[in-house]
Amino acid sequence: SLASTITIMDLMGYAQRINAQTYDTLTVFGIAGAFYLTVNGVLTLIFRQVEKKALAFEAA
């Protein structure tokens, strides 16, 4: 949770810097949001698989 908060702060910081240079707010923050959702989704799937394998011994 803490790592996610730090990462989103970094991502939004980069987006704000790019926005200050381009003034294309919707595109910049839209791409930042899509990037965040993609990375978050992939990591969620990976950790679900890891958790499933780690807890497989309980099902047996």
N, C-alpha and C. Protein backbone atom coordinates (compact mmCIF):
# COMPACT_ATOMS: atom_id res chain seq x y z
N SER A 1 0.81 -1.20 0.00
CA SER A 1 0.00 0.00 0.00
C SER A 1 0.86 1.27 0.00
N LEU A 2 1.90 1.26 0.83
CA LEU A 2 2.79 2.41 0.89
C LEU A 2 3.55 2.57 -0.42
N ALA A 3 4.01 1.44 -0.98
CA ALA A 3 4.73 1.51 -2.26
C ALA A 3 3.82 2.03 -3.36
N SER A 4 2.57 1.63 -3.33
CA SER A 4 1.61 2.11 -4.32
C SER A 4 1.41 3.62 -4.21
N THR A 5 1.34 4.11 -2.98
CA THR A 5 1.17 5.55 -2.76
C THR A 5 2.37 6.33 -3.27
N ILE A 6 3.56 5.82 -2.99
CA ILE A 6 4.78 6.50 -3.46
C ILE A 6 4.84 6.48 -4.98
N THR A 7 4.50 5.34 -5.58
CA THR A 7 4.54 5.21 -7.03
C THR A 7 3.55 6.15 -7.70
N ILE A 8 2.34 6.25 -7.18
CA ILE A 8 1.34 7.13 -7.78
C ILE A 8 1.76 8.58 -7.63
N MET A 9 2.42 8.92 -6.52
CA MET A 9 2.91 10.29 -6.34
C MET A 9 3.99 10.60 -7.37
N ASP A 10 4.91 9.65 -7.62
CA ASP A 10 5.94 9.85 -8.63
C ASP A 10 5.33 10.00 -10.02
N LEU A 11 4.38 9.12 -10.34
CA LEU A 11 3.73 9.16 -11.64
C LEU A 11 3.00 10.48 -11.86
N MET A 12 2.28 10.93 -10.86
CA MET A 12 1.57 12.21 -10.97
C MET A 12 2.54 13.38 -11.04
N GLY A 13 3.68 13.27 -10.36
CA GLY A 13 4.70 14.32 -10.44
C GLY A 13 5.24 14.46 -11.85
N TYR A 14 5.54 13.31 -12.47
CA TYR A 14 6.00 13.34 -13.86
C TYR A 14 4.92 13.91 -14.78
N ALA A 15 3.69 13.48 -14.55
CA ALA A 15 2.59 13.96 -15.39
C ALA A 15 2.41 15.48 -15.24
N GLN A 16 2.56 15.99 -14.04
CA GLN A 16 2.44 17.44 -13.83
C GLN A 16 3.54 18.20 -14.55
N ARG A 17 4.76 17.64 -14.52
CA ARG A 17 5.87 18.30 -15.23
C ARG A 17 5.63 18.33 -16.74
N ILE A 18 5.18 17.21 -17.28
CA ILE A 18 4.90 17.15 -18.72
C ILE A 18 3.75 18.07 -19.06
N ASN A 19 2.73 18.11 -18.21
CA ASN A 19 1.59 18.98 -18.43
C ASN A 19 2.02 20.44 -18.43
N ALA A 20 2.94 20.81 -17.56
CA ALA A 20 3.42 22.20 -17.51
C ALA A 20 4.14 22.58 -18.80
N GLN A 21 4.73 21.60 -19.47
CA GLN A 21 5.44 21.88 -20.72
C GLN A 21 4.51 21.89 -21.92
N THR A 22 3.49 21.02 -21.90
CA THR A 22 2.65 20.85 -23.09
C THR A 22 1.27 21.47 -22.98
N TYR A 23 0.77 21.68 -21.76
CA TYR A 23 -0.58 22.19 -21.52
C TYR A 23 -1.66 21.31 -22.15
N ASP A 24 -1.38 20.02 -22.26
CA ASP A 24 -2.35 19.07 -22.81
C ASP A 24 -2.80 18.15 -21.67
N THR A 25 -3.57 18.72 -20.78
CA THR A 25 -3.91 18.07 -19.51
C THR A 25 -4.60 16.73 -19.69
N LEU A 26 -5.63 16.68 -20.50
CA LEU A 26 -6.41 15.46 -20.65
C LEU A 26 -5.56 14.31 -21.18
N THR A 27 -4.75 14.58 -22.18
CA THR A 27 -3.90 13.54 -22.75
C THR A 27 -2.86 13.06 -21.75
N VAL A 28 -2.18 14.00 -21.11
CA VAL A 28 -1.10 13.65 -20.18
C VAL A 28 -1.63 12.82 -19.02
N PHE A 29 -2.68 13.30 -18.37
CA PHE A 29 -3.20 12.57 -17.21
C PHE A 29 -3.97 11.32 -17.63
N GLY A 30 -4.54 11.32 -18.83
CA GLY A 30 -5.18 10.11 -19.34
C GLY A 30 -4.18 9.00 -19.57
N ILE A 31 -3.04 9.34 -20.15
CA ILE A 31 -1.98 8.35 -20.37
C ILE A 31 -1.41 7.89 -19.04
N ALA A 32 -1.20 8.82 -18.11
CA ALA A 32 -0.68 8.46 -16.79
C ALA A 32 -1.66 7.51 -16.08
N GLY A 33 -2.94 7.78 -16.17
CA GLY A 33 -3.94 6.91 -15.55
C GLY A 33 -3.99 5.54 -16.20
N ALA A 34 -3.91 5.50 -17.52
CA ALA A 34 -3.91 4.22 -18.23
C ALA A 34 -2.67 3.41 -17.88
N PHE A 35 -1.53 4.08 -17.78
CA PHE A 35 -0.29 3.41 -17.40
C PHE A 35 -0.41 2.83 -16.00
N TYR A 36 -0.95 3.61 -15.08
CA TYR A 36 -1.11 3.15 -13.70
C TYR A 36 -2.04 1.94 -13.64
N LEU A 37 -3.17 2.01 -14.33
CA LEU A 37 -4.11 0.89 -14.31
C LEU A 37 -3.51 -0.37 -14.93
N THR A 38 -2.75 -0.20 -16.01
CA THR A 38 -2.11 -1.34 -16.66
C THR A 38 -1.09 -2.00 -15.74
N VAL A 39 -0.20 -1.20 -15.17
CA VAL A 39 0.82 -1.75 -14.27
C VAL A 39 0.17 -2.39 -13.05
N ASN A 40 -0.81 -1.73 -12.49
CA ASN A 40 -1.51 -2.25 -11.31
C ASN A 40 -2.22 -3.57 -11.64
N GLY A 41 -2.86 -3.64 -12.79
CA GLY A 41 -3.55 -4.86 -13.19
C GLY A 41 -2.61 -6.03 -13.40
N VAL A 42 -1.49 -5.77 -14.07
CA VAL A 42 -0.51 -6.83 -14.31
C VAL A 42 0.07 -7.32 -12.99
N LEU A 43 0.44 -6.41 -12.11
CA LEU A 43 0.99 -6.81 -10.81
C LEU A 43 -0.03 -7.58 -9.98
N THR A 44 -1.28 -7.20 -10.06
CA THR A 44 -2.33 -7.92 -9.33
C THR A 44 -2.44 -9.35 -9.84
N LEU A 45 -2.42 -9.54 -11.15
CA LEU A 45 -2.48 -10.89 -11.71
C LEU A 45 -1.28 -11.72 -11.32
N ILE A 46 -0.10 -11.13 -11.35
CA ILE A 46 1.12 -11.85 -10.98
C ILE A 46 1.05 -12.29 -9.52
N PHE A 47 0.68 -11.37 -8.64
CA PHE A 47 0.64 -11.72 -7.23
C PHE A 47 -0.48 -12.70 -6.89
N ARG A 48 -1.55 -12.71 -7.65
CA ARG A 48 -2.59 -13.73 -7.45
C ARG A 48 -2.03 -15.11 -7.75
N GLN A 49 -1.26 -15.21 -8.85
CA GLN A 49 -0.66 -16.50 -9.20
C GLN A 49 0.36 -16.94 -8.16
N VAL A 50 1.17 -16.00 -7.69
CA VAL A 50 2.17 -16.33 -6.67
C VAL A 50 1.47 -16.79 -5.39
N GLU A 51 0.42 -16.09 -5.01
CA GLU A 51 -0.32 -16.46 -3.80
C GLU A 51 -0.97 -17.83 -3.95
N LYS A 52 -1.52 -18.09 -5.14
CA LYS A 52 -2.16 -19.38 -5.38
C LYS A 52 -1.15 -20.52 -5.24
N LYS A 53 0.06 -20.33 -5.79
CA LYS A 53 1.09 -21.37 -5.69
C LYS A 53 1.62 -21.49 -4.26
N ALA A 54 1.74 -20.37 -3.58
CA ALA A 54 2.26 -20.40 -2.21
C ALA A 54 1.28 -21.08 -1.25
N LEU A 55 0.00 -20.98 -1.52
CA LEU A 55 -1.01 -21.56 -0.63
C LEU A 55 -1.54 -22.90 -1.14
N ALA A 56 -0.94 -23.44 -2.19
CA ALA A 56 -1.41 -24.70 -2.78
C ALA A 56 -1.30 -25.86 -1.79
N PHE A 57 -0.33 -25.81 -0.89
CA PHE A 57 -0.16 -26.91 0.06
C PHE A 57 -1.33 -27.02 1.03
N GLU A 58 -2.04 -25.92 1.27
CA GLU A 58 -3.17 -25.97 2.19
C GLU A 58 -4.35 -26.73 1.60
N ALA A 59 -4.48 -26.72 0.29
CA ALA A 59 -5.59 -27.39 -0.38
C ALA A 59 -5.38 -28.90 -0.42
N ALA A 60 -4.14 -29.33 -0.34
CA ALA A 60 -3.84 -30.77 -0.44
C ALA A 60 -4.07 -31.52 0.84
